[in-house]
Amino acid sequence: MDTGSIINALGGVRGLLESTVPGVVFGTVFAFTRPDYRTPLIGAVTIAVAILVVALVQRRSVQQTISGFIGIALTAGIVLITGRARDFFLVGLYRNAFWLAAHTVTGAVRWPLIGLLLGPFTGEGVQWRKRPERLRAYQWCGVVWIAVFAIRLAVQLPLFRGDQVVALGLVGIVLGLPLFLVACLANYLILRRVPMVRSTQETSTDASVQRQPPPVTPG
């Protein structure tokens, strides 16, 4: 598995960009319309709808796009109810807190979430748990993601509490794709040092192939 495979397994560059753009649009437009939050909210929702329509027209997988759209719709509802522009980023804060907790807890019980996410793509399943060094590698990968979500919260929470809406929109650019790519590269560098564990199914398949008699050539 290379860095690109890890990126694709975790949602891909396009998916992350699609989830980041509405927040950037909201923060940027709000810089010119403050304290009005309705105009930037309309802009963010419009972008989210456009992203969904493009995905449908291109007939590509829309699961992540729909998930992102639902998140934006929920966010818009919260802002309309509270009347606070900063609440546009509330769902994102909770999302980061959830993933931080998920990676921390699963790593502590020696079932690192990143291993469960990448296992199906590497063909390992959960066989990596049977090899201590591979398990430790996935645990270190989990530490990388813990750092990612901790950094996001450490930067975004003070801005949220300080009602820095424009800054919240702009930091999403740096804390989004660049940080994600750095984490994926770190995961690749960690995992490449330890050979993958082949799944039981693959092993049994190879064994059955080896047990087959050699083909008989006519004549």
N, C-alpha and C. Protein backbone atom coordinates (compact mmCIF):
# COMPACT_ATOMS: atom_id res chain seq x y z
N MET A 1 0.85 -1.20 0.00
CA MET A 1 0.00 0.00 0.00
C MET A 1 0.88 1.24 0.00
N ASP A 2 0.64 2.17 -0.97
CA ASP A 2 1.40 3.40 -1.02
C ASP A 2 0.58 4.55 -0.42
N THR A 3 1.14 5.75 -0.45
CA THR A 3 0.46 6.90 0.13
C THR A 3 -0.87 7.17 -0.55
N GLY A 4 -0.89 7.02 -1.88
CA GLY A 4 -2.13 7.25 -2.62
C GLY A 4 -3.24 6.31 -2.20
N SER A 5 -2.87 5.05 -1.93
CA SER A 5 -3.87 4.08 -1.51
C SER A 5 -4.44 4.45 -0.15
N ILE A 6 -3.59 4.92 0.73
CA ILE A 6 -4.06 5.33 2.06
C ILE A 6 -5.00 6.54 1.93
N ILE A 7 -4.63 7.47 1.08
CA ILE A 7 -5.46 8.66 0.86
C ILE A 7 -6.84 8.26 0.35
N ASN A 8 -6.86 7.37 -0.65
CA ASN A 8 -8.14 6.93 -1.22
C ASN A 8 -8.96 6.15 -0.21
N ALA A 9 -8.29 5.32 0.60
CA ALA A 9 -9.01 4.51 1.59
C ALA A 9 -9.67 5.39 2.64
N LEU A 10 -9.10 6.57 2.90
CA LEU A 10 -9.62 7.46 3.93
C LEU A 10 -10.49 8.57 3.37
N GLY A 11 -10.92 8.41 2.13
CA GLY A 11 -11.87 9.38 1.58
C GLY A 11 -11.39 10.12 0.36
N GLY A 12 -10.08 10.17 0.15
CA GLY A 12 -9.54 10.80 -1.05
C GLY A 12 -9.42 12.32 -0.95
N VAL A 13 -8.59 12.88 -1.81
CA VAL A 13 -8.35 14.31 -1.83
C VAL A 13 -9.63 15.06 -2.21
N ARG A 14 -10.33 14.53 -3.20
CA ARG A 14 -11.53 15.22 -3.66
C ARG A 14 -12.59 15.28 -2.56
N GLY A 15 -12.75 14.17 -1.85
CA GLY A 15 -13.74 14.15 -0.78
C GLY A 15 -13.44 15.16 0.31
N LEU A 16 -12.15 15.29 0.66
CA LEU A 16 -11.77 16.24 1.69
C LEU A 16 -11.96 17.67 1.23
N LEU A 17 -11.62 17.94 -0.03
CA LEU A 17 -11.81 19.28 -0.57
C LEU A 17 -13.29 19.66 -0.58
N GLU A 18 -14.12 18.70 -0.98
CA GLU A 18 -15.56 18.96 -1.03
C GLU A 18 -16.13 19.28 0.35
N SER A 19 -15.56 18.66 1.38
CA SER A 19 -16.04 18.91 2.72
C SER A 19 -15.49 20.21 3.30
N THR A 20 -14.39 20.72 2.72
CA THR A 20 -13.75 21.93 3.23
C THR A 20 -14.29 23.20 2.57
N VAL A 21 -14.61 23.12 1.29
CA VAL A 21 -14.97 24.30 0.51
C VAL A 21 -16.14 25.09 1.11
N PRO A 22 -17.26 24.45 1.51
CA PRO A 22 -18.38 25.23 2.05
C PRO A 22 -17.97 26.09 3.25
N GLY A 23 -17.13 25.57 4.14
CA GLY A 23 -16.69 26.34 5.29
C GLY A 23 -15.84 27.53 4.89
N VAL A 24 -14.98 27.33 3.89
CA VAL A 24 -14.14 28.42 3.39
C VAL A 24 -15.01 29.51 2.77
N VAL A 25 -16.01 29.07 1.99
CA VAL A 25 -16.93 30.03 1.36
C VAL A 25 -17.69 30.82 2.42
N PHE A 26 -18.16 30.13 3.45
CA PHE A 26 -18.92 30.80 4.51
C PHE A 26 -18.06 31.86 5.19
N GLY A 27 -16.86 31.48 5.59
CA GLY A 27 -15.98 32.43 6.28
C GLY A 27 -15.58 33.60 5.42
N THR A 28 -15.31 33.34 4.13
CA THR A 28 -14.88 34.40 3.22
C THR A 28 -15.99 35.39 2.96
N VAL A 29 -17.19 34.89 2.66
CA VAL A 29 -18.33 35.78 2.39
C VAL A 29 -18.71 36.55 3.65
N PHE A 30 -18.63 35.90 4.80
CA PHE A 30 -18.98 36.56 6.06
C PHE A 30 -18.07 37.75 6.33
N ALA A 31 -16.83 37.69 5.84
CA ALA A 31 -15.89 38.79 6.04
C ALA A 31 -16.41 40.08 5.41
N PHE A 32 -17.25 39.95 4.37
CA PHE A 32 -17.76 41.13 3.66
C PHE A 32 -19.21 41.46 4.04
N THR A 33 -19.88 40.55 4.74
CA THR A 33 -21.31 40.77 5.03
C THR A 33 -21.60 40.87 6.52
N ARG A 34 -20.58 40.67 7.38
CA ARG A 34 -20.83 40.67 8.82
C ARG A 34 -21.58 41.94 9.23
N PRO A 35 -22.52 41.83 10.18
CA PRO A 35 -22.87 40.64 10.98
C PRO A 35 -23.93 39.75 10.33
N ASP A 36 -24.29 40.04 9.08
CA ASP A 36 -25.29 39.20 8.40
C ASP A 36 -24.70 37.81 8.13
N TYR A 37 -25.39 36.78 8.62
CA TYR A 37 -24.92 35.41 8.41
C TYR A 37 -25.72 34.67 7.35
N ARG A 38 -26.82 35.25 6.94
CA ARG A 38 -27.69 34.54 5.99
C ARG A 38 -27.08 34.45 4.60
N THR A 39 -26.45 35.52 4.15
CA THR A 39 -25.84 35.51 2.81
C THR A 39 -24.72 34.48 2.71
N PRO A 40 -23.76 34.48 3.64
CA PRO A 40 -22.72 33.43 3.56
C PRO A 40 -23.29 32.03 3.75
N LEU A 41 -24.37 31.92 4.52
CA LEU A 41 -25.00 30.61 4.71
C LEU A 41 -25.60 30.12 3.40
N ILE A 42 -26.25 31.02 2.68
CA ILE A 42 -26.82 30.66 1.37
C ILE A 42 -25.70 30.26 0.41
N GLY A 43 -24.58 31.00 0.46
CA GLY A 43 -23.46 30.68 -0.41
C GLY A 43 -22.88 29.31 -0.12
N ALA A 44 -22.73 28.98 1.16
CA ALA A 44 -22.17 27.68 1.55
C ALA A 44 -23.10 26.53 1.14
N VAL A 45 -24.39 26.70 1.38
CA VAL A 45 -25.36 25.66 1.02
C VAL A 45 -25.42 25.50 -0.49
N THR A 46 -25.35 26.60 -1.22
CA THR A 46 -25.38 26.55 -2.69
C THR A 46 -24.18 25.75 -3.21
N ILE A 47 -23.01 26.00 -2.63
CA ILE A 47 -21.81 25.26 -3.03
C ILE A 47 -21.99 23.77 -2.74
N ALA A 48 -22.55 23.45 -1.57
CA ALA A 48 -22.77 22.05 -1.20
C ALA A 48 -23.73 21.37 -2.18
N VAL A 49 -24.78 22.08 -2.58
CA VAL A 49 -25.73 21.53 -3.56
C VAL A 49 -25.04 21.32 -4.90
N ALA A 50 -24.23 22.29 -5.32
CA ALA A 50 -23.52 22.18 -6.60
C ALA A 50 -22.58 20.98 -6.61
N ILE A 51 -21.88 20.76 -5.50
CA ILE A 51 -20.97 19.62 -5.38
C ILE A 51 -21.74 18.31 -5.51
N LEU A 52 -22.90 18.24 -4.87
CA LEU A 52 -23.72 17.04 -4.94
C LEU A 52 -24.23 16.80 -6.36
N VAL A 53 -24.68 17.86 -7.02
CA VAL A 53 -25.20 17.73 -8.39
C VAL A 53 -24.11 17.25 -9.34
N VAL A 54 -22.91 17.83 -9.21
CA VAL A 54 -21.79 17.42 -10.07
C VAL A 54 -21.47 15.94 -9.86
N ALA A 55 -21.48 15.50 -8.62
CA ALA A 55 -21.19 14.10 -8.32
C ALA A 55 -22.24 13.18 -8.96
N LEU A 56 -23.50 13.60 -8.91
CA LEU A 56 -24.57 12.80 -9.51
C LEU A 56 -24.45 12.77 -11.03
N VAL A 57 -24.13 13.91 -11.63
CA VAL A 57 -23.99 13.99 -13.09
C VAL A 57 -22.83 13.12 -13.56
N GLN A 58 -21.75 13.12 -12.79
CA GLN A 58 -20.57 12.33 -13.15
C GLN A 58 -20.75 10.85 -12.82
N ARG A 59 -21.84 10.53 -12.15
CA ARG A 59 -22.17 9.15 -11.80
C ARG A 59 -21.05 8.46 -11.01
N ARG A 60 -20.44 9.22 -10.14
CA ARG A 60 -19.44 8.62 -9.26
C ARG A 60 -20.05 8.35 -7.90
N SER A 61 -19.30 7.69 -7.06
CA SER A 61 -19.80 7.36 -5.73
C SER A 61 -20.14 8.64 -4.98
N VAL A 62 -21.36 8.71 -4.48
CA VAL A 62 -21.83 9.94 -3.82
C VAL A 62 -22.05 9.74 -2.32
N GLN A 63 -21.63 8.61 -1.80
CA GLN A 63 -21.86 8.35 -0.38
C GLN A 63 -21.24 9.44 0.50
N GLN A 64 -19.98 9.74 0.25
CA GLN A 64 -19.30 10.74 1.05
C GLN A 64 -19.85 12.13 0.76
N THR A 65 -20.21 12.39 -0.51
CA THR A 65 -20.76 13.68 -0.88
C THR A 65 -22.09 13.92 -0.20
N ILE A 66 -22.93 12.89 -0.18
CA ILE A 66 -24.23 13.00 0.49
C ILE A 66 -24.04 13.22 1.99
N SER A 67 -23.08 12.50 2.55
CA SER A 67 -22.77 12.67 3.98
C SER A 67 -22.35 14.12 4.27
N GLY A 68 -21.50 14.67 3.40
CA GLY A 68 -21.07 16.06 3.56
C GLY A 68 -22.22 17.02 3.41
N PHE A 69 -23.13 16.74 2.47
CA PHE A 69 -24.28 17.62 2.25
C PHE A 69 -25.21 17.61 3.46
N ILE A 70 -25.41 16.42 4.02
CA ILE A 70 -26.25 16.32 5.22
C ILE A 70 -25.63 17.12 6.36
N GLY A 71 -24.29 17.05 6.47
CA GLY A 71 -23.60 17.82 7.49
C GLY A 71 -23.80 19.31 7.32
N ILE A 72 -23.73 19.80 6.06
CA ILE A 72 -23.93 21.22 5.79
C ILE A 72 -25.38 21.61 6.08
N ALA A 73 -26.33 20.75 5.72
CA ALA A 73 -27.74 21.03 5.99
C ALA A 73 -27.99 21.13 7.49
N LEU A 74 -27.39 20.21 8.25
CA LEU A 74 -27.52 20.24 9.70
C LEU A 74 -26.90 21.52 10.27
N THR A 75 -25.74 21.86 9.74
CA THR A 75 -25.05 23.07 10.18
C THR A 75 -25.90 24.31 9.91
N ALA A 76 -26.49 24.37 8.71
CA ALA A 76 -27.34 25.51 8.35
C ALA A 76 -28.52 25.62 9.29
N GLY A 77 -29.11 24.48 9.63
CA GLY A 77 -30.24 24.49 10.56
C GLY A 77 -29.84 25.03 11.92
N ILE A 78 -28.67 24.63 12.41
CA ILE A 78 -28.19 25.10 13.71
C ILE A 78 -28.00 26.62 13.70
N VAL A 79 -27.39 27.13 12.63
CA VAL A 79 -27.14 28.57 12.52
C VAL A 79 -28.45 29.35 12.48
N LEU A 80 -29.42 28.83 11.74
CA LEU A 80 -30.71 29.52 11.65
C LEU A 80 -31.43 29.53 13.00
N ILE A 81 -31.24 28.48 13.78
CA ILE A 81 -31.89 28.41 15.09
C ILE A 81 -31.20 29.31 16.11
N THR A 82 -29.87 29.25 16.14
CA THR A 82 -29.14 30.02 17.15
C THR A 82 -28.91 31.47 16.75
N GLY A 83 -28.83 31.71 15.43
CA GLY A 83 -28.57 33.07 14.97
C GLY A 83 -27.12 33.49 15.15
N ARG A 84 -26.24 32.53 15.41
CA ARG A 84 -24.81 32.83 15.59
C ARG A 84 -24.01 32.27 14.43
N ALA A 85 -23.25 33.12 13.77
CA ALA A 85 -22.49 32.70 12.59
C ALA A 85 -21.44 31.65 12.96
N ARG A 86 -20.85 31.77 14.14
CA ARG A 86 -19.79 30.84 14.52
C ARG A 86 -20.28 29.40 14.61
N ASP A 87 -21.58 29.22 14.82
CA ASP A 87 -22.12 27.87 14.97
C ASP A 87 -22.10 27.08 13.66
N PHE A 88 -21.73 27.76 12.56
CA PHE A 88 -21.55 27.04 11.31
C PHE A 88 -20.44 26.00 11.45
N PHE A 89 -19.50 26.25 12.36
CA PHE A 89 -18.35 25.36 12.54
C PHE A 89 -18.51 24.43 13.74
N LEU A 90 -19.69 24.47 14.37
CA LEU A 90 -19.91 23.66 15.57
C LEU A 90 -19.89 22.17 15.26
N VAL A 91 -20.54 21.76 14.17
CA VAL A 91 -20.57 20.34 13.79
C VAL A 91 -19.17 19.83 13.52
N GLY A 92 -18.34 20.65 12.86
CA GLY A 92 -16.96 20.26 12.59
C GLY A 92 -16.16 20.05 13.85
N LEU A 93 -16.39 20.88 14.86
CA LEU A 93 -15.69 20.72 16.14
C LEU A 93 -16.08 19.40 16.81
N TYR A 94 -17.37 19.11 16.80
CA TYR A 94 -17.83 17.85 17.38
C TYR A 94 -17.30 16.65 16.59
N ARG A 95 -17.20 16.81 15.27
CA ARG A 95 -16.68 15.73 14.44
C ARG A 95 -15.22 15.44 14.77
N ASN A 96 -14.43 16.50 14.91
CA ASN A 96 -13.03 16.33 15.28
C ASN A 96 -12.88 15.70 16.66
N ALA A 97 -13.74 16.13 17.60
CA ALA A 97 -13.69 15.57 18.96
C ALA A 97 -14.06 14.09 18.94
N PHE A 98 -15.03 13.73 18.08
CA PHE A 98 -15.44 12.32 17.98
C PHE A 98 -14.30 11.46 17.47
N TRP A 99 -13.65 11.91 16.38
CA TRP A 99 -12.56 11.11 15.81
C TRP A 99 -11.35 11.06 16.73
N LEU A 100 -11.11 12.14 17.46
CA LEU A 100 -10.03 12.14 18.44
C LEU A 100 -10.29 11.08 19.51
N ALA A 101 -11.52 11.04 20.01
CA ALA A 101 -11.88 10.06 21.03
C ALA A 101 -11.84 8.64 20.47
N ALA A 102 -12.32 8.47 19.23
CA ALA A 102 -12.37 7.14 18.62
C ALA A 102 -10.97 6.56 18.44
N HIS A 103 -10.06 7.37 17.92
CA HIS A 103 -8.68 6.89 17.72
C HIS A 103 -7.99 6.64 19.06
N THR A 104 -8.28 7.46 20.05
CA THR A 104 -7.64 7.30 21.37
C THR A 104 -8.12 6.02 22.06
N VAL A 105 -9.43 5.82 22.07
CA VAL A 105 -9.99 4.65 22.76
C VAL A 105 -9.61 3.35 22.07
N THR A 106 -9.75 3.30 20.74
CA THR A 106 -9.44 2.07 20.01
C THR A 106 -7.95 1.75 20.07
N GLY A 107 -7.12 2.79 20.13
CA GLY A 107 -5.69 2.54 20.28
C GLY A 107 -5.36 2.00 21.65
N ALA A 108 -6.06 2.51 22.67
CA ALA A 108 -5.80 2.08 24.04
C ALA A 108 -6.16 0.62 24.27
N VAL A 109 -7.20 0.14 23.55
CA VAL A 109 -7.63 -1.26 23.71
C VAL A 109 -6.98 -2.16 22.66
N ARG A 110 -5.97 -1.63 21.95
CA ARG A 110 -5.19 -2.40 20.98
C ARG A 110 -6.02 -2.85 19.77
N TRP A 111 -7.03 -2.07 19.43
CA TRP A 111 -7.78 -2.25 18.19
C TRP A 111 -7.77 -0.91 17.45
N PRO A 112 -6.60 -0.40 17.08
CA PRO A 112 -6.53 0.93 16.48
C PRO A 112 -7.46 1.09 15.28
N LEU A 113 -8.23 2.15 15.32
CA LEU A 113 -9.24 2.40 14.30
C LEU A 113 -8.64 2.46 12.90
N ILE A 114 -7.45 3.04 12.76
CA ILE A 114 -6.84 3.16 11.44
C ILE A 114 -6.58 1.79 10.84
N GLY A 115 -6.26 0.80 11.68
CA GLY A 115 -6.08 -0.57 11.18
C GLY A 115 -7.38 -1.16 10.68
N LEU A 116 -8.47 -0.88 11.37
CA LEU A 116 -9.78 -1.37 10.95
C LEU A 116 -10.22 -0.71 9.65
N LEU A 117 -9.82 0.54 9.45
CA LEU A 117 -10.20 1.25 8.22
C LEU A 117 -9.36 0.82 7.02
N LEU A 118 -8.07 0.57 7.25
CA LEU A 118 -7.18 0.23 6.14
C LEU A 118 -7.13 -1.27 5.87
N GLY A 119 -7.47 -2.09 6.86
CA GLY A 119 -7.40 -3.55 6.71
C GLY A 119 -8.07 -4.09 5.46
N PRO A 120 -9.32 -3.68 5.17
CA PRO A 120 -9.99 -4.18 3.97
C PRO A 120 -9.29 -3.79 2.68
N PHE A 121 -8.60 -2.65 2.68
CA PHE A 121 -7.93 -2.18 1.47
C PHE A 121 -6.56 -2.84 1.28
N THR A 122 -5.92 -3.21 2.38
CA THR A 122 -4.63 -3.88 2.27
C THR A 122 -4.78 -5.38 2.04
N GLY A 123 -6.00 -5.89 2.30
CA GLY A 123 -6.24 -7.33 2.20
C GLY A 123 -5.89 -8.07 3.49
N GLU A 124 -5.50 -7.31 4.52
CA GLU A 124 -5.13 -7.93 5.78
C GLU A 124 -6.33 -8.26 6.65
N GLY A 125 -7.43 -7.55 6.43
CA GLY A 125 -8.55 -7.70 7.35
C GLY A 125 -8.11 -7.23 8.73
N VAL A 126 -8.23 -8.12 9.71
CA VAL A 126 -7.72 -7.82 11.06
C VAL A 126 -6.58 -8.77 11.43
N GLN A 127 -5.99 -9.41 10.43
CA GLN A 127 -4.89 -10.34 10.68
C GLN A 127 -3.66 -9.64 11.24
N TRP A 128 -3.58 -8.31 11.05
CA TRP A 128 -2.44 -7.57 11.55
C TRP A 128 -2.34 -7.64 13.07
N ARG A 129 -3.44 -7.97 13.74
CA ARG A 129 -3.40 -8.06 15.21
C ARG A 129 -2.60 -9.27 15.69
N LYS A 130 -2.39 -10.23 14.78
CA LYS A 130 -1.67 -11.45 15.17
C LYS A 130 -0.16 -11.25 15.13
N ARG A 131 0.29 -10.12 14.57
CA ARG A 131 1.73 -9.85 14.52
C ARG A 131 2.00 -8.59 15.33
N PRO A 132 2.67 -8.70 16.46
CA PRO A 132 2.87 -7.57 17.38
C PRO A 132 3.47 -6.33 16.71
N GLU A 133 4.46 -6.54 15.83
CA GLU A 133 5.10 -5.37 15.22
C GLU A 133 4.16 -4.63 14.27
N ARG A 134 3.29 -5.40 13.60
CA ARG A 134 2.31 -4.76 12.71
C ARG A 134 1.24 -4.03 13.53
N LEU A 135 0.84 -4.63 14.62
CA LEU A 135 -0.12 -4.00 15.53
C LEU A 135 0.45 -2.69 16.06
N ARG A 136 1.71 -2.72 16.49
CA ARG A 136 2.34 -1.50 16.99
C ARG A 136 2.41 -0.42 15.92
N ALA A 137 2.67 -0.85 14.68
CA ALA A 137 2.72 0.12 13.57
C ALA A 137 1.38 0.83 13.41
N TYR A 138 0.30 0.06 13.47
CA TYR A 138 -1.03 0.67 13.35
C TYR A 138 -1.33 1.56 14.56
N GLN A 139 -0.84 1.17 15.73
CA GLN A 139 -1.04 2.02 16.90
C GLN A 139 -0.33 3.36 16.74
N TRP A 140 0.88 3.33 16.17
CA TRP A 140 1.60 4.58 15.91
C TRP A 140 0.89 5.41 14.85
N CYS A 141 0.31 4.72 13.86
CA CYS A 141 -0.50 5.44 12.86
C CYS A 141 -1.67 6.13 13.54
N GLY A 142 -2.26 5.44 14.51
CA GLY A 142 -3.36 6.03 15.26
C GLY A 142 -2.93 7.26 16.03
N VAL A 143 -1.70 7.23 16.57
CA VAL A 143 -1.16 8.39 17.29
C VAL A 143 -1.06 9.60 16.35
N VAL A 144 -0.71 9.33 15.10
CA VAL A 144 -0.63 10.41 14.11
C VAL A 144 -1.99 11.08 13.95
N TRP A 145 -3.04 10.26 13.84
CA TRP A 145 -4.38 10.83 13.66
C TRP A 145 -4.88 11.50 14.92
N ILE A 146 -4.49 10.98 16.07
CA ILE A 146 -4.82 11.66 17.33
C ILE A 146 -4.22 13.06 17.33
N ALA A 147 -2.97 13.16 16.85
CA ALA A 147 -2.31 14.46 16.77
C ALA A 147 -3.04 15.40 15.81
N VAL A 148 -3.49 14.86 14.67
CA VAL A 148 -4.21 15.67 13.67
C VAL A 148 -5.45 16.30 14.28
N PHE A 149 -6.28 15.48 14.91
CA PHE A 149 -7.54 16.01 15.45
C PHE A 149 -7.31 16.87 16.68
N ALA A 150 -6.27 16.58 17.45
CA ALA A 150 -5.93 17.41 18.60
C ALA A 150 -5.47 18.79 18.14
N ILE A 151 -4.67 18.84 17.08
CA ILE A 151 -4.20 20.12 16.53
C ILE A 151 -5.38 20.94 16.04
N ARG A 152 -6.29 20.29 15.32
CA ARG A 152 -7.46 21.02 14.81
C ARG A 152 -8.26 21.63 15.95
N LEU A 153 -8.51 20.85 16.99
CA LEU A 153 -9.30 21.35 18.11
C LEU A 153 -8.54 22.45 18.86
N ALA A 154 -7.23 22.27 19.01
CA ALA A 154 -6.42 23.26 19.73
C ALA A 154 -6.44 24.62 19.04
N VAL A 155 -6.51 24.61 17.70
CA VAL A 155 -6.54 25.85 16.94
C VAL A 155 -7.96 26.40 16.82
N GLN A 156 -8.93 25.52 16.57
CA GLN A 156 -10.27 25.97 16.27
C GLN A 156 -11.08 26.38 17.50
N LEU A 157 -10.89 25.69 18.62
CA LEU A 157 -11.69 26.00 19.81
C LEU A 157 -11.50 27.45 20.30
N PRO A 158 -10.26 27.93 20.42
CA PRO A 158 -10.10 29.33 20.83
C PRO A 158 -10.73 30.31 19.84
N LEU A 159 -10.63 30.01 18.55
CA LEU A 159 -11.24 30.88 17.54
C LEU A 159 -12.76 30.84 17.66
N PHE A 160 -13.30 29.66 17.94
CA PHE A 160 -14.76 29.52 18.09
C PHE A 160 -15.24 30.31 19.31
N ARG A 161 -14.53 30.15 20.41
CA ARG A 161 -14.91 30.86 21.64
C ARG A 161 -14.75 32.38 21.48
N GLY A 162 -13.78 32.78 20.65
CA GLY A 162 -13.56 34.20 20.41
C GLY A 162 -14.42 34.76 19.30
N ASP A 163 -15.31 33.93 18.76
CA ASP A 163 -16.23 34.36 17.70
C ASP A 163 -15.49 34.84 16.46
N GLN A 164 -14.35 34.19 16.16
CA GLN A 164 -13.54 34.55 14.99
C GLN A 164 -13.99 33.74 13.77
N VAL A 165 -15.10 34.12 13.20
CA VAL A 165 -15.74 33.35 12.13
C VAL A 165 -14.87 33.31 10.88
N VAL A 166 -14.34 34.44 10.48
CA VAL A 166 -13.51 34.49 9.26
C VAL A 166 -12.28 33.61 9.42
N ALA A 167 -11.64 33.70 10.57
CA ALA A 167 -10.44 32.89 10.83
C ALA A 167 -10.79 31.40 10.82
N LEU A 168 -11.94 31.05 11.37
CA LEU A 168 -12.36 29.65 11.38
C LEU A 168 -12.51 29.11 9.96
N GLY A 169 -13.02 29.95 9.08
CA GLY A 169 -13.16 29.52 7.70
C GLY A 169 -11.83 29.35 7.00
N LEU A 170 -10.90 30.25 7.29
CA LEU A 170 -9.61 30.22 6.60
C LEU A 170 -8.68 29.13 7.13
N VAL A 171 -8.70 28.88 8.45
CA VAL A 171 -7.79 27.86 8.98
C VAL A 171 -8.19 26.47 8.49
N GLY A 172 -9.45 26.35 8.02
CA GLY A 172 -9.88 25.07 7.47
C GLY A 172 -9.05 24.68 6.26
N ILE A 173 -8.48 25.68 5.57
CA ILE A 173 -7.65 25.40 4.40
C ILE A 173 -6.37 24.68 4.82
N VAL A 174 -5.73 25.22 5.86
CA VAL A 174 -4.45 24.66 6.33
C VAL A 174 -4.67 23.36 7.11
N LEU A 175 -5.69 23.36 7.96
CA LEU A 175 -5.94 22.20 8.81
C LEU A 175 -6.72 21.10 8.09
N GLY A 176 -7.10 21.36 6.85
CA GLY A 176 -7.82 20.36 6.09
C GLY A 176 -6.91 19.49 5.26
N LEU A 177 -6.81 19.76 3.97
CA LEU A 177 -6.06 18.92 3.05
C LEU A 177 -4.57 18.81 3.38
N PRO A 178 -3.84 19.91 3.63
CA PRO A 178 -2.40 19.77 3.90
C PRO A 178 -2.11 18.87 5.10
N LEU A 179 -2.83 19.07 6.20
CA LEU A 179 -2.60 18.26 7.39
C LEU A 179 -2.98 16.80 7.14
N PHE A 180 -4.05 16.60 6.38
CA PHE A 180 -4.50 15.25 6.02
C PHE A 180 -3.42 14.52 5.22
N LEU A 181 -2.84 15.21 4.23
CA LEU A 181 -1.82 14.59 3.39
C LEU A 181 -0.56 14.27 4.18
N VAL A 182 -0.18 15.15 5.10
CA VAL A 182 0.98 14.89 5.95
C VAL A 182 0.74 13.65 6.80
N ALA A 183 -0.47 13.52 7.35
CA ALA A 183 -0.79 12.35 8.17
C ALA A 183 -0.77 11.06 7.35
N CYS A 184 -1.29 11.11 6.12
CA CYS A 184 -1.27 9.93 5.26
C CYS A 184 0.16 9.52 4.92
N LEU A 185 1.01 10.51 4.65
CA LEU A 185 2.42 10.21 4.36
C LEU A 185 3.09 9.59 5.58
N ALA A 186 2.82 10.12 6.75
CA ALA A 186 3.39 9.56 7.98
C ALA A 186 2.93 8.13 8.19
N ASN A 187 1.64 7.86 7.91
CA ASN A 187 1.13 6.49 8.03
C ASN A 187 1.84 5.55 7.08
N TYR A 188 2.07 6.02 5.86
CA TYR A 188 2.76 5.18 4.87
C TYR A 188 4.19 4.87 5.33
N LEU A 189 4.89 5.88 5.82
CA LEU A 189 6.28 5.68 6.26
C LEU A 189 6.34 4.71 7.45
N ILE A 190 5.33 4.75 8.31
CA ILE A 190 5.30 3.84 9.46
C ILE A 190 5.00 2.41 9.01
N LEU A 191 4.00 2.26 8.14
CA LEU A 191 3.54 0.93 7.75
C LEU A 191 4.51 0.22 6.81
N ARG A 192 5.23 0.96 6.01
CA ARG A 192 6.11 0.32 5.04
C ARG A 192 7.29 -0.39 5.70
N ARG A 193 7.56 -0.05 6.95
CA ARG A 193 8.69 -0.66 7.67
C ARG A 193 8.35 -2.06 8.17
N VAL A 194 7.04 -2.39 8.18
CA VAL A 194 6.60 -3.70 8.68
C VAL A 194 5.80 -4.39 7.59
N PRO A 195 6.19 -5.60 7.15
CA PRO A 195 5.46 -6.29 6.08
C PRO A 195 4.00 -6.51 6.45
N MET A 196 3.14 -6.48 5.42
CA MET A 196 1.73 -6.74 5.64
C MET A 196 1.50 -8.19 6.04
N VAL A 197 0.42 -8.41 6.78
CA VAL A 197 0.03 -9.76 7.17
C VAL A 197 -1.04 -10.22 6.21
N ARG A 198 -0.77 -11.29 5.50
CA ARG A 198 -1.74 -11.78 4.52
C ARG A 198 -2.91 -12.41 5.23
N SER A 199 -4.12 -12.19 4.69
CA SER A 199 -5.32 -12.71 5.32
C SER A 199 -5.36 -14.23 5.23
N THR A 200 -6.10 -14.85 6.13
CA THR A 200 -6.23 -16.31 6.15
C THR A 200 -6.81 -16.82 4.85
N GLN A 201 -7.76 -16.05 4.31
CA GLN A 201 -8.40 -16.47 3.07
C GLN A 201 -7.40 -16.53 1.93
N GLU A 202 -6.53 -15.49 1.85
CA GLU A 202 -5.53 -15.48 0.79
C GLU A 202 -4.55 -16.63 0.96
N THR A 203 -4.15 -16.88 2.22
CA THR A 203 -3.20 -17.94 2.50
C THR A 203 -3.77 -19.29 2.10
N SER A 204 -5.02 -19.53 2.47
CA SER A 204 -5.65 -20.81 2.14
C SER A 204 -5.83 -20.97 0.65
N THR A 205 -6.11 -19.86 -0.04
CA THR A 205 -6.27 -19.91 -1.49
C THR A 205 -4.96 -20.27 -2.17
N ASP A 206 -3.88 -19.63 -1.70
CA ASP A 206 -2.56 -19.93 -2.26
C ASP A 206 -2.19 -21.39 -2.00
N ALA A 207 -2.51 -21.89 -0.81
CA ALA A 207 -2.18 -23.27 -0.47
C ALA A 207 -2.93 -24.24 -1.36
N SER A 208 -4.20 -23.94 -1.64
CA SER A 208 -4.99 -24.84 -2.48
C SER A 208 -4.47 -24.85 -3.90
N VAL A 209 -3.99 -23.65 -4.35
CA VAL A 209 -3.42 -23.59 -5.69
C VAL A 209 -2.16 -24.43 -5.77
N GLN A 210 -1.33 -24.36 -4.70
CA GLN A 210 -0.08 -25.11 -4.71
C GLN A 210 -0.34 -26.62 -4.65
N ARG A 211 -1.47 -27.02 -4.04
CA ARG A 211 -1.75 -28.46 -3.91
C ARG A 211 -2.29 -29.05 -5.20
N GLN A 212 -2.70 -28.19 -6.13
CA GLN A 212 -3.25 -28.69 -7.37
C GLN A 212 -2.15 -29.38 -8.18
N PRO A 213 -2.47 -30.50 -8.85
CA PRO A 213 -1.48 -31.19 -9.66
C PRO A 213 -1.09 -30.35 -10.86
N PRO A 214 0.13 -30.53 -11.33
CA PRO A 214 0.58 -29.73 -12.49
C PRO A 214 -0.22 -30.11 -13.72
N PRO A 215 -0.45 -29.17 -14.62
CA PRO A 215 -1.21 -29.49 -15.84
C PRO A 215 -0.49 -30.52 -16.70
N VAL A 216 -1.28 -31.37 -17.35
CA VAL A 216 -0.72 -32.42 -18.22
C VAL A 216 -0.76 -31.93 -19.66
N THR A 217 0.42 -31.88 -20.24
CA THR A 217 0.51 -31.39 -21.63
C THR A 217 0.19 -32.52 -22.59
N PRO A 218 -0.79 -32.37 -23.51
CA PRO A 218 -1.12 -33.43 -24.46
C PRO A 218 0.09 -33.83 -25.27
N GLY A 219 0.18 -35.14 -25.51
CA GLY A 219 1.24 -35.69 -26.37
C GLY A 219 2.50 -35.88 -25.57
